[in-house]
Amino acid sequence: MSGRDSNALALPDYVREWRDRLLTRGWRLRDQYGPPCDRMIEYHALYRGELYSGRVTISRTPETVRWGDLTNERVLLCNEPGAVQVWRFAEPGAPAAGPIKRQL
């Protein structure tokens, strides 16, 4: 198991291939490079067996991070086994969005 799979129980090949394709396009693995605070990012996250995407600015202040059932922060920052999260900086002026459920 590679360092990229340290949080995964056993990733299916199609998930590993999807993640690795994004990493070769400049996306960052959340487990290796935590997303910055106070700057808009885009993300894709495999969370509880479902794929979600979104755009969010993570707050520096823990009291203002939204930890509801299905928020950008929960999907992007959770440390559950099998979770896979990748992110990149969003285009300037891009609006916040998500989490949006997608097909893998």
PDB file of N, CA and C in Angstrom:
ATOM      1  N   MET A   1       0.846  -1.171   0.000  1.00  0.00           N
ATOM      2  CA  MET A   1       0.000   0.000   0.000  1.00  0.00           C
ATOM      3  C   MET A   1       0.894   1.237   0.000  1.00  0.00           C
ATOM      4  N   SER A   2       0.660   2.154  -0.904  1.00  0.00           N
ATOM      5  CA  SER A   2       1.502   3.351  -1.005  1.00  0.00           C
ATOM      6  C   SER A   2       1.114   4.372   0.055  1.00  0.00           C
ATOM      7  N   GLY A   3       1.943   5.403   0.221  1.00  0.00           N
ATOM      8  CA  GLY A   3       1.648   6.477   1.150  1.00  0.00           C
ATOM      9  C   GLY A   3       0.350   7.180   0.799  1.00  0.00           C
ATOM     10  N   ARG A   4      -0.001   7.172  -0.475  1.00  0.00           N
ATOM     11  CA  ARG A   4      -1.261   7.793  -0.899  1.00  0.00           C
ATOM     12  C   ARG A   4      -2.459   7.052  -0.345  1.00  0.00           C
ATOM     13  N   ASP A   5      -2.292   5.774  -0.012  1.00  0.00           N
ATOM     14  CA  ASP A   5      -3.395   4.956   0.455  1.00  0.00           C
ATOM     15  C   ASP A   5      -3.406   4.788   1.963  1.00  0.00           C
ATOM     16  N   SER A   6      -2.690   5.621   2.686  1.00  0.00           N
ATOM     17  CA  SER A   6      -2.553   5.438   4.125  1.00  0.00           C
ATOM     18  C   SER A   6      -3.878   5.544   4.865  1.00  0.00           C
ATOM     19  N   ASN A   7      -4.848   6.333   4.376  1.00  0.00           N
ATOM     20  CA  ASN A   7      -6.140   6.483   5.050  1.00  0.00           C
ATOM     21  C   ASN A   7      -7.171   5.497   4.514  1.00  0.00           C
ATOM     22  N   ALA A   8      -6.811   4.752   3.512  1.00  0.00           N
ATOM     23  CA  ALA A   8      -7.772   3.870   2.871  1.00  0.00           C
ATOM     24  C   ALA A   8      -7.677   2.459   3.424  1.00  0.00           C
ATOM     25  N   LEU A   9      -8.820   1.806   3.519  1.00  0.00           N
ATOM     26  CA  LEU A   9      -8.809   0.408   3.906  1.00  0.00           C
ATOM     27  C   LEU A   9      -8.214  -0.391   2.762  1.00  0.00           C
ATOM     28  N   ALA A  10      -8.848  -0.394   1.646  1.00  0.00           N
ATOM     29  CA  ALA A  10      -8.353  -1.016   0.425  1.00  0.00           C
ATOM     30  C   ALA A  10      -9.134  -0.364  -0.710  1.00  0.00           C
ATOM     31  N   LEU A  11      -8.529   0.598  -1.355  1.00  0.00           N
ATOM     32  CA  LEU A  11      -9.239   1.318  -2.413  1.00  0.00           C
ATOM     33  C   LEU A  11      -9.432   0.424  -3.626  1.00  0.00           C
ATOM     34  N   PRO A  12     -10.635   0.427  -4.181  1.00  0.00           N
ATOM     35  CA  PRO A  12     -10.828  -0.286  -5.449  1.00  0.00           C
ATOM     36  C   PRO A  12      -9.959   0.348  -6.527  1.00  0.00           C
ATOM     37  N   ASP A  13      -9.590  -0.444  -7.526  1.00  0.00           N
ATOM     38  CA  ASP A  13      -8.714   0.053  -8.593  1.00  0.00           C
ATOM     39  C   ASP A  13      -9.279   1.291  -9.277  1.00  0.00           C
ATOM     40  N   TYR A  14     -10.599   1.296  -9.545  1.00  0.00           N
ATOM     41  CA  TYR A  14     -11.173   2.447 -10.249  1.00  0.00           C
ATOM     42  C   TYR A  14     -11.078   3.724  -9.427  1.00  0.00           C
ATOM     43  N   VAL A  15     -11.143   3.640  -8.101  1.00  0.00           N
ATOM     44  CA  VAL A  15     -10.985   4.824  -7.245  1.00  0.00           C
ATOM     45  C   VAL A  15      -9.534   5.278  -7.261  1.00  0.00           C
ATOM     46  N   ARG A  16      -8.620   4.343  -7.143  1.00  0.00           N
ATOM     47  CA  ARG A  16      -7.193   4.678  -7.166  1.00  0.00           C
ATOM     48  C   ARG A  16      -6.809   5.325  -8.509  1.00  0.00           C
ATOM     49  N   GLU A  17      -7.331   4.771  -9.609  1.00  0.00           N
ATOM     50  CA  GLU A  17      -7.045   5.336 -10.935  1.00  0.00           C
ATOM     51  C   GLU A  17      -7.636   6.734 -11.079  1.00  0.00           C
ATOM     52  N   TRP A  18      -8.864   6.952 -10.613  1.00  0.00           N
ATOM     53  CA  TRP A  18      -9.498   8.280 -10.652  1.00  0.00           C
ATOM     54  C   TRP A  18      -8.664   9.288  -9.878  1.00  0.00           C
ATOM     55  N   ARG A  19      -8.289   8.924  -8.644  1.00  0.00           N
ATOM     56  CA  ARG A  19      -7.480   9.806  -7.800  1.00  0.00           C
ATOM     57  C   ARG A  19      -6.140  10.109  -8.457  1.00  0.00           C
ATOM     58  N   ASP A  20      -5.470   9.096  -8.966  1.00  0.00           N
ATOM     59  CA  ASP A  20      -4.148   9.303  -9.561  1.00  0.00           C
ATOM     60  C   ASP A  20      -4.223  10.168 -10.821  1.00  0.00           C
ATOM     61  N   ARG A  21      -5.294  10.035 -11.617  1.00  0.00           N
ATOM     62  CA  ARG A  21      -5.472  10.912 -12.790  1.00  0.00           C
ATOM     63  C   ARG A  21      -5.574  12.371 -12.362  1.00  0.00           C
ATOM     64  N   LEU A  22      -6.344  12.636 -11.306  1.00  0.00           N
ATOM     65  CA  LEU A  22      -6.475  14.014 -10.822  1.00  0.00           C
ATOM     66  C   LEU A  22      -5.138  14.530 -10.293  1.00  0.00           C
ATOM     67  N   LEU A  23      -4.402  13.697  -9.587  1.00  0.00           N
ATOM     68  CA  LEU A  23      -3.104  14.125  -9.042  1.00  0.00           C
ATOM     69  C   LEU A  23      -2.123  14.470 -10.169  1.00  0.00           C
ATOM     70  N   THR A  24      -2.180  13.742 -11.284  1.00  0.00           N
ATOM     71  CA  THR A  24      -1.282  14.066 -12.392  1.00  0.00           C
ATOM     72  C   THR A  24      -1.679  15.369 -13.082  1.00  0.00           C
ATOM     73  N   ARG A  25      -2.922  15.821 -12.863  1.00  0.00           N
ATOM     74  CA  ARG A  25      -3.391  17.095 -13.433  1.00  0.00           C
ATOM     75  C   ARG A  25      -3.211  18.271 -12.476  1.00  0.00           C
ATOM     76  N   GLY A  26      -2.490  18.050 -11.374  1.00  0.00           N
ATOM     77  CA  GLY A  26      -2.197  19.151 -10.474  1.00  0.00           C
ATOM     78  C   GLY A  26      -3.064  19.249  -9.235  1.00  0.00           C
ATOM     79  N   TRP A  27      -4.026  18.339  -9.068  1.00  0.00           N
ATOM     80  CA  TRP A  27      -4.815  18.328  -7.846  1.00  0.00           C
ATOM     81  C   TRP A  27      -3.916  17.840  -6.711  1.00  0.00           C
ATOM     82  N   ARG A  28      -4.278  18.164  -5.476  1.00  0.00           N
ATOM     83  CA  ARG A  28      -3.478  17.782  -4.311  1.00  0.00           C
ATOM     84  C   ARG A  28      -4.280  16.847  -3.417  1.00  0.00           C
ATOM     85  N   LEU A  29      -3.608  15.859  -2.884  1.00  0.00           N
ATOM     86  CA  LEU A  29      -4.239  14.922  -1.971  1.00  0.00           C
ATOM     87  C   LEU A  29      -4.350  15.568  -0.600  1.00  0.00           C
ATOM     88  N   ARG A  30      -5.554  15.615  -0.057  1.00  0.00           N
ATOM     89  CA  ARG A  30      -5.769  16.302   1.213  1.00  0.00           C
ATOM     90  C   ARG A  30      -4.940  15.719   2.348  1.00  0.00           C
ATOM     91  N   ASP A  31      -4.709  14.416   2.346  1.00  0.00           N
ATOM     92  CA  ASP A  31      -3.910  13.799   3.410  1.00  0.00           C
ATOM     93  C   ASP A  31      -2.453  14.252   3.381  1.00  0.00           C
ATOM     94  N   GLN A  32      -1.957  14.660   2.216  1.00  0.00           N
ATOM     95  CA  GLN A  32      -0.564  15.107   2.098  1.00  0.00           C
ATOM     96  C   GLN A  32      -0.438  16.626   2.139  1.00  0.00           C
ATOM     97  N   TYR A  33      -1.421  17.311   1.590  1.00  0.00           N
ATOM     98  CA  TYR A  33      -1.400  18.780   1.515  1.00  0.00           C
ATOM     99  C   TYR A  33      -2.751  19.295   1.972  1.00  0.00           C
ATOM    100  N   GLY A  34      -2.858  19.661   3.227  1.00  0.00           N
ATOM    101  CA  GLY A  34      -4.121  20.179   3.731  1.00  0.00           C
ATOM    102  C   GLY A  34      -4.521  21.444   2.997  1.00  0.00           C
ATOM    103  N   PRO A  35      -5.811  21.633   2.766  1.00  0.00           N
ATOM    104  CA  PRO A  35      -6.248  22.830   2.047  1.00  0.00           C
ATOM    105  C   PRO A  35      -5.982  24.084   2.877  1.00  0.00           C
ATOM    106  N   PRO A  36      -5.677  25.185   2.202  1.00  0.00           N
ATOM    107  CA  PRO A  36      -5.392  26.434   2.917  1.00  0.00           C
ATOM    108  C   PRO A  36      -6.661  27.060   3.484  1.00  0.00           C
ATOM    109  N   CYS A  37      -6.487  27.856   4.489  1.00  0.00           N
ATOM    110  CA  CYS A  37      -7.606  28.616   5.044  1.00  0.00           C
ATOM    111  C   CYS A  37      -7.716  29.947   4.313  1.00  0.00           C
ATOM    112  N   ASP A  38      -8.902  30.487   4.293  1.00  0.00           N
ATOM    113  CA  ASP A  38      -9.168  31.824   3.754  1.00  0.00           C
ATOM    114  C   ASP A  38      -8.802  31.979   2.285  1.00  0.00           C
ATOM    115  N   ARG A  39      -8.888  30.887   1.518  1.00  0.00           N
ATOM    116  CA  ARG A  39      -8.681  30.954   0.075  1.00  0.00           C
ATOM    117  C   ARG A  39      -9.601  29.923  -0.592  1.00  0.00           C
ATOM    118  N   MET A  40     -10.291  30.336  -1.646  1.00  0.00           N
ATOM    119  CA  MET A  40     -11.265  29.467  -2.309  1.00  0.00           C
ATOM    120  C   MET A  40     -10.550  28.295  -2.991  1.00  0.00           C
ATOM    121  N   ILE A  41     -11.062  27.082  -2.736  1.00  0.00           N
ATOM    122  CA  ILE A  41     -10.551  25.879  -3.383  1.00  0.00           C
ATOM    123  C   ILE A  41     -11.708  25.109  -4.003  1.00  0.00           C
ATOM    124  N   GLU A  42     -11.370  24.244  -4.948  1.00  0.00           N
ATOM    125  CA  GLU A  42     -12.305  23.273  -5.499  1.00  0.00           C
ATOM    126  C   GLU A  42     -11.888  21.917  -4.963  1.00  0.00           C
ATOM    127  N   TYR A  43     -12.838  21.031  -4.780  1.00  0.00           N
ATOM    128  CA  TYR A  43     -12.476  19.705  -4.289  1.00  0.00           C
ATOM    129  C   TYR A  43     -13.364  18.623  -4.886  1.00  0.00           C
ATOM    130  N   HIS A  44     -12.860  17.410  -4.844  1.00  0.00           N
ATOM    131  CA  HIS A  44     -13.632  16.189  -5.076  1.00  0.00           C
ATOM    132  C   HIS A  44     -13.342  15.317  -3.871  1.00  0.00           C
ATOM    133  N   ALA A  45     -14.374  14.648  -3.354  1.00  0.00           N
ATOM    134  CA  ALA A  45     -14.186  13.817  -2.177  1.00  0.00           C
ATOM    135  C   ALA A  45     -15.047  12.567  -2.264  1.00  0.00           C
ATOM    136  N   LEU A  46     -14.418  11.435  -2.027  1.00  0.00           N
ATOM    137  CA  LEU A  46     -15.147  10.194  -1.869  1.00  0.00           C
ATOM    138  C   LEU A  46     -15.466  10.089  -0.383  1.00  0.00           C
ATOM    139  N   TYR A  47     -16.734  10.225  -0.048  1.00  0.00           N
ATOM    140  CA  TYR A  47     -17.182  10.307   1.337  1.00  0.00           C
ATOM    141  C   TYR A  47     -18.318   9.314   1.551  1.00  0.00           C
ATOM    142  N   ARG A  48     -18.084   8.344   2.418  1.00  0.00           N
ATOM    143  CA  ARG A  48     -19.075   7.307   2.717  1.00  0.00           C
ATOM    144  C   ARG A  48     -19.594   6.632   1.451  1.00  0.00           C
ATOM    145  N   GLY A  49     -18.667   6.353   0.533  1.00  0.00           N
ATOM    146  CA  GLY A  49     -18.995   5.628  -0.693  1.00  0.00           C
ATOM    147  C   GLY A  49     -19.608   6.460  -1.795  1.00  0.00           C
ATOM    148  N   GLU A  50     -19.760   7.758  -1.599  1.00  0.00           N
ATOM    149  CA  GLU A  50     -20.346   8.656  -2.604  1.00  0.00           C
ATOM    150  C   GLU A  50     -19.323   9.713  -2.994  1.00  0.00           C
ATOM    151  N   LEU A  51     -19.388  10.163  -4.250  1.00  0.00           N
ATOM    152  CA  LEU A  51     -18.476  11.195  -4.738  1.00  0.00           C
ATOM    153  C   LEU A  51     -19.164  12.551  -4.665  1.00  0.00           C
ATOM    154  N   TYR A  52     -18.491  13.515  -4.045  1.00  0.00           N
ATOM    155  CA  TYR A  52     -18.991  14.885  -3.931  1.00  0.00           C
ATOM    156  C   TYR A  52     -17.952  15.859  -4.462  1.00  0.00           C
ATOM    157  N   SER A  53     -18.431  16.966  -4.989  1.00  0.00           N
ATOM    158  CA  SER A  53     -17.566  18.045  -5.463  1.00  0.00           C
ATOM    159  C   SER A  53     -18.086  19.354  -4.891  1.00  0.00           C
ATOM    160  N   GLY A  54     -17.195  20.323  -4.805  1.00  0.00           N
ATOM    161  CA  GLY A  54     -17.631  21.623  -4.328  1.00  0.00           C
ATOM    162  C   GLY A  54     -16.524  22.650  -4.387  1.00  0.00           C
ATOM    163  N   ARG A  55     -16.907  23.867  -4.034  1.00  0.00           N
ATOM    164  CA  ARG A  55     -15.965  24.985  -3.910  1.00  0.00           C
ATOM    165  C   ARG A  55     -16.225  25.630  -2.570  1.00  0.00           C
ATOM    166  N   VAL A  56     -15.157  25.885  -1.803  1.00  0.00           N
ATOM    167  CA  VAL A  56     -15.339  26.407  -0.455  1.00  0.00           C
ATOM    168  C   VAL A  56     -14.088  27.148  -0.010  1.00  0.00           C
ATOM    169  N   THR A  57     -14.284  28.073   0.897  1.00  0.00           N
ATOM    170  CA  THR A  57     -13.179  28.717   1.609  1.00  0.00           C
ATOM    171  C   THR A  57     -13.256  28.216   3.042  1.00  0.00           C
ATOM    172  N   ILE A  58     -12.225  27.513   3.482  1.00  0.00           N
ATOM    173  CA  ILE A  58     -12.188  26.986   4.848  1.00  0.00           C
ATOM    174  C   ILE A  58     -11.817  28.122   5.795  1.00  0.00           C
ATOM    175  N   SER A  59     -12.560  28.253   6.859  1.00  0.00           N
ATOM    176  CA  SER A  59     -12.311  29.309   7.841  1.00  0.00           C
ATOM    177  C   SER A  59     -11.116  28.969   8.717  1.00  0.00           C
ATOM    178  N   ARG A  60     -10.377  29.982   9.144  1.00  0.00           N
ATOM    179  CA  ARG A  60      -9.270  29.782  10.088  1.00  0.00           C
ATOM    180  C   ARG A  60      -9.775  29.552  11.503  1.00  0.00           C
ATOM    181  N   THR A  61     -10.962  30.023  11.792  1.00  0.00           N
ATOM    182  CA  THR A  61     -11.501  29.967  13.139  1.00  0.00           C
ATOM    183  C   THR A  61     -12.337  28.705  13.302  1.00  0.00           C
ATOM    184  N   PRO A  62     -11.921  27.758  14.151  1.00  0.00           N
ATOM    185  CA  PRO A  62     -12.675  26.507  14.292  1.00  0.00           C
ATOM    186  C   PRO A  62     -14.145  26.713  14.639  1.00  0.00           C
ATOM    187  N   GLU A  63     -14.468  27.777  15.350  1.00  0.00           N
ATOM    188  CA  GLU A  63     -15.862  28.011  15.727  1.00  0.00           C
ATOM    189  C   GLU A  63     -16.743  28.301  14.517  1.00  0.00           C
ATOM    190  N   THR A  64     -16.169  28.758  13.414  1.00  0.00           N
ATOM    191  CA  THR A  64     -16.987  29.099  12.252  1.00  0.00           C
ATOM    192  C   THR A  64     -16.992  28.004  11.179  1.00  0.00           C
ATOM    193  N   VAL A  65     -16.251  26.926  11.383  1.00  0.00           N
ATOM    194  CA  VAL A  65     -16.295  25.810  10.439  1.00  0.00           C
ATOM    195  C   VAL A  65     -17.629  25.094  10.614  1.00  0.00           C
ATOM    196  N   ARG A  66     -18.303  24.843   9.510  1.00  0.00           N
ATOM    197  CA  ARG A  66     -19.622  24.200   9.551  1.00  0.00           C
ATOM    198  C   ARG A  66     -19.453  22.677   9.513  1.00  0.00           C
ATOM    199  N   TRP A  67     -19.830  21.990  10.577  1.00  0.00           N
ATOM    200  CA  TRP A  67     -19.646  20.541  10.676  1.00  0.00           C
ATOM    201  C   TRP A  67     -20.963  19.781  10.570  1.00  0.00           C
ATOM    202  N   GLY A  68     -21.941  20.324   9.873  1.00  0.00           N
ATOM    203  CA  GLY A  68     -23.234  19.645   9.735  1.00  0.00           C
ATOM    204  C   GLY A  68     -23.110  18.309   9.027  1.00  0.00           C
ATOM    205  N   ASP A  69     -24.240  17.644   8.834  1.00  0.00           N
ATOM    206  CA  ASP A  69     -24.243  16.304   8.252  1.00  0.00           C
ATOM    207  C   ASP A  69     -23.616  16.238   6.861  1.00  0.00           C
ATOM    208  N   LEU A  70     -23.922  17.168   6.001  1.00  0.00           N
ATOM    209  CA  LEU A  70     -23.387  17.117   4.644  1.00  0.00           C
ATOM    210  C   LEU A  70     -22.985  18.529   4.216  1.00  0.00           C
ATOM    211  N   THR A  71     -21.902  19.008   4.785  1.00  0.00           N
ATOM    212  CA  THR A  71     -21.376  20.324   4.430  1.00  0.00           C
ATOM    213  C   THR A  71     -20.063  20.124   3.688  1.00  0.00           C
ATOM    214  N   ASN A  72     -19.607  21.171   2.992  1.00  0.00           N
ATOM    215  CA  ASN A  72     -18.312  21.109   2.321  1.00  0.00           C
ATOM    216  C   ASN A  72     -17.211  20.714   3.291  1.00  0.00           C
ATOM    217  N   GLU A  73     -17.228  21.313   4.476  1.00  0.00           N
ATOM    218  CA  GLU A  73     -16.180  21.040   5.454  1.00  0.00           C
ATOM    219  C   GLU A  73     -16.186  19.583   5.899  1.00  0.00           C
ATOM    220  N   ARG A  74     -17.359  19.028   6.166  1.00  0.00           N
ATOM    221  CA  ARG A  74     -17.465  17.627   6.605  1.00  0.00           C
ATOM    222  C   ARG A  74     -16.929  16.691   5.519  1.00  0.00           C
ATOM    223  N   VAL A  75     -17.359  16.902   4.276  1.00  0.00           N
ATOM    224  CA  VAL A  75     -16.959  16.033   3.176  1.00  0.00           C
ATOM    225  C   VAL A  75     -15.456  16.154   2.894  1.00  0.00           C
ATOM    226  N   LEU A  76     -14.931  17.367   2.937  1.00  0.00           N
ATOM    227  CA  LEU A  76     -13.526  17.597   2.592  1.00  0.00           C
ATOM    228  C   LEU A  76     -12.562  17.261   3.717  1.00  0.00           C
ATOM    229  N   LEU A  77     -12.948  17.492   4.959  1.00  0.00           N
ATOM    230  CA  LEU A  77     -11.995  17.378   6.060  1.00  0.00           C
ATOM    231  C   LEU A  77     -12.160  16.131   6.924  1.00  0.00           C
ATOM    232  N   CYS A  78     -13.115  15.264   6.617  1.00  0.00           N
ATOM    233  CA  CYS A  78     -13.311  14.078   7.464  1.00  0.00           C
ATOM    234  C   CYS A  78     -12.108  13.140   7.346  1.00  0.00           C
ATOM    235  N   ASN A  79     -11.887  12.358   8.377  1.00  0.00           N
ATOM    236  CA  ASN A  79     -10.781  11.400   8.401  1.00  0.00           C
ATOM    237  C   ASN A  79     -11.283   9.967   8.493  1.00  0.00           C
ATOM    238  N   GLU A  80     -12.419   9.691   7.913  1.00  0.00           N
ATOM    239  CA  GLU A  80     -12.984   8.347   7.969  1.00  0.00           C
ATOM    240  C   GLU A  80     -12.192   7.391   7.089  1.00  0.00           C
ATOM    241  N   PRO A  81     -12.098   6.127   7.496  1.00  0.00           N
ATOM    242  CA  PRO A  81     -11.431   5.138   6.632  1.00  0.00           C
ATOM    243  C   PRO A  81     -12.123   5.079   5.274  1.00  0.00           C
ATOM    244  N   GLY A  82     -11.348   5.022   4.221  1.00  0.00           N
ATOM    245  CA  GLY A  82     -11.891   4.960   2.871  1.00  0.00           C
ATOM    246  C   GLY A  82     -12.189   6.303   2.244  1.00  0.00           C
ATOM    247  N   ALA A  83     -12.073   7.397   3.004  1.00  0.00           N
ATOM    248  CA  ALA A  83     -12.311   8.724   2.432  1.00  0.00           C
ATOM    249  C   ALA A  83     -11.115   9.113   1.560  1.00  0.00           C
ATOM    250  N   VAL A  84     -11.395   9.692   0.404  1.00  0.00           N
ATOM    251  CA  VAL A  84     -10.356  10.180  -0.501  1.00  0.00           C
ATOM    252  C   VAL A  84     -10.744  11.596  -0.881  1.00  0.00           C
ATOM    253  N   GLN A  85      -9.882  12.573  -0.589  1.00  0.00           N
ATOM    254  CA  GLN A  85     -10.184  13.962  -0.895  1.00  0.00           C
ATOM    255  C   GLN A  85      -9.015  14.584  -1.668  1.00  0.00           C
ATOM    256  N   VAL A  86      -9.341  15.242  -2.776  1.00  0.00           N
ATOM    257  CA  VAL A  86      -8.354  15.984  -3.555  1.00  0.00           C
ATOM    258  C   VAL A  86      -8.851  17.409  -3.726  1.00  0.00           C
ATOM    259  N   TRP A  87      -7.920  18.355  -3.866  1.00  0.00           N
ATOM    260  CA  TRP A  87      -8.318  19.755  -4.008  1.00  0.00           C
ATOM    261  C   TRP A  87      -7.307  20.498  -4.873  1.00  0.00           C
ATOM    262  N   ARG A  88      -7.745  21.665  -5.356  1.00  0.00           N
ATOM    263  CA  ARG A  88      -6.874  22.610  -6.070  1.00  0.00           C
ATOM    264  C   ARG A  88      -7.435  24.004  -5.833  1.00  0.00           C
ATOM    265  N   PHE A  89      -6.626  25.016  -6.112  1.00  0.00           N
ATOM    266  CA  PHE A  89      -7.100  26.391  -5.970  1.00  0.00           C
ATOM    267  C   PHE A  89      -8.153  26.667  -7.035  1.00  0.00           C
ATOM    268  N   ALA A  90      -9.221  27.354  -6.636  1.00  0.00           N
ATOM    269  CA  ALA A  90     -10.298  27.703  -7.561  1.00  0.00           C
ATOM    270  C   ALA A  90      -9.894  28.924  -8.382  1.00  0.00           C
ATOM    271  N   GLU A  91     -10.528  29.081  -9.514  1.00  0.00           N
ATOM    272  CA  GLU A  91     -10.320  30.266 -10.342  1.00  0.00           C
ATOM    273  C   GLU A  91     -10.755  31.497  -9.562  1.00  0.00           C
ATOM    274  N   PRO A  92     -10.038  32.616  -9.722  1.00  0.00           N
ATOM    275  CA  PRO A  92     -10.442  33.845  -9.015  1.00  0.00           C
ATOM    276  C   PRO A  92     -11.884  34.219  -9.365  1.00  0.00           C
ATOM    277  N   GLY A  93     -12.633  34.578  -8.351  1.00  0.00           N
ATOM    278  CA  GLY A  93     -14.017  34.994  -8.553  1.00  0.00           C
ATOM    279  C   GLY A  93     -15.016  33.861  -8.631  1.00  0.00           C
ATOM    280  N   ALA A  94     -14.564  32.609  -8.548  1.00  0.00           N
ATOM    281  CA  ALA A  94     -15.490  31.471  -8.601  1.00  0.00           C
ATOM    282  C   ALA A  94     -16.352  31.466  -7.341  1.00  0.00           C
ATOM    283  N   PRO A  95     -17.665  31.248  -7.501  1.00  0.00           N
ATOM    284  CA  PRO A  95     -18.546  31.258  -6.330  1.00  0.00           C
ATOM    285  C   PRO A  95     -18.454  29.941  -5.552  1.00  0.00           C
ATOM    286  N   ALA A  96     -18.792  30.001  -4.284  1.00  0.00           N
ATOM    287  CA  ALA A  96     -18.865  28.784  -3.484  1.00  0.00           C
ATOM    288  C   ALA A  96     -19.988  27.897  -4.019  1.00  0.00           C
ATOM    289  N   ALA A  97     -19.817  26.595  -3.888  1.00  0.00           N
ATOM    290  CA  ALA A  97     -20.819  25.650  -4.371  1.00  0.00           C
ATOM    291  C   ALA A  97     -20.683  24.328  -3.634  1.00  0.00           C
ATOM    292  N   GLY A  98     -21.775  23.584  -3.588  1.00  0.00           N
ATOM    293  CA  GLY A  98     -21.697  22.218  -3.111  1.00  0.00           C
ATOM    294  C   GLY A  98     -22.012  22.051  -1.643  1.00  0.00           C
ATOM    295  N   PRO A  99     -21.843  20.854  -1.191  1.00  0.00           N
ATOM    296  CA  PRO A  99     -21.331  19.712  -1.951  1.00  0.00           C
ATOM    297  C   PRO A  99     -22.373  19.190  -2.941  1.00  0.00           C
ATOM    298  N   ILE A 100     -21.893  18.820  -4.115  1.00  0.00           N
ATOM    299  CA  ILE A 100     -22.730  18.312  -5.190  1.00  0.00           C
ATOM    300  C   ILE A 100     -22.396  16.832  -5.369  1.00  0.00           C
ATOM    301  N   LYS A 101     -23.408  15.986  -5.304  1.00  0.00           N
ATOM    302  CA  LYS A 101     -23.200  14.547  -5.480  1.00  0.00           C
ATOM    303  C   LYS A 101     -22.981  14.246  -6.954  1.00  0.00           C
ATOM    304  N   ARG A 102     -21.956  13.435  -7.254  1.00  0.00           N
ATOM    305  CA  ARG A 102     -21.589  13.115  -8.638  1.00  0.00           C
ATOM    306  C   ARG A 102     -21.479  11.617  -8.832  1.00  0.00           C
ATOM    307  N   GLN A 103     -21.367  11.224 -10.081  1.00  0.00           N
ATOM    308  CA  GLN A 103     -21.103   9.821 -10.433  1.00  0.00           C
ATOM    309  C   GLN A 103     -19.600   9.637 -10.576  1.00  0.00           C
ATOM    310  N   LEU A 104     -19.088   8.552 -10.050  1.00  0.00           N
ATOM    311  CA  LEU A 104     -17.657   8.250 -10.152  1.00  0.00           C
ATOM    312  C   LEU A 104     -17.360   7.530 -11.432  1.00  0.00           C
TER     313      LEU A 104
END
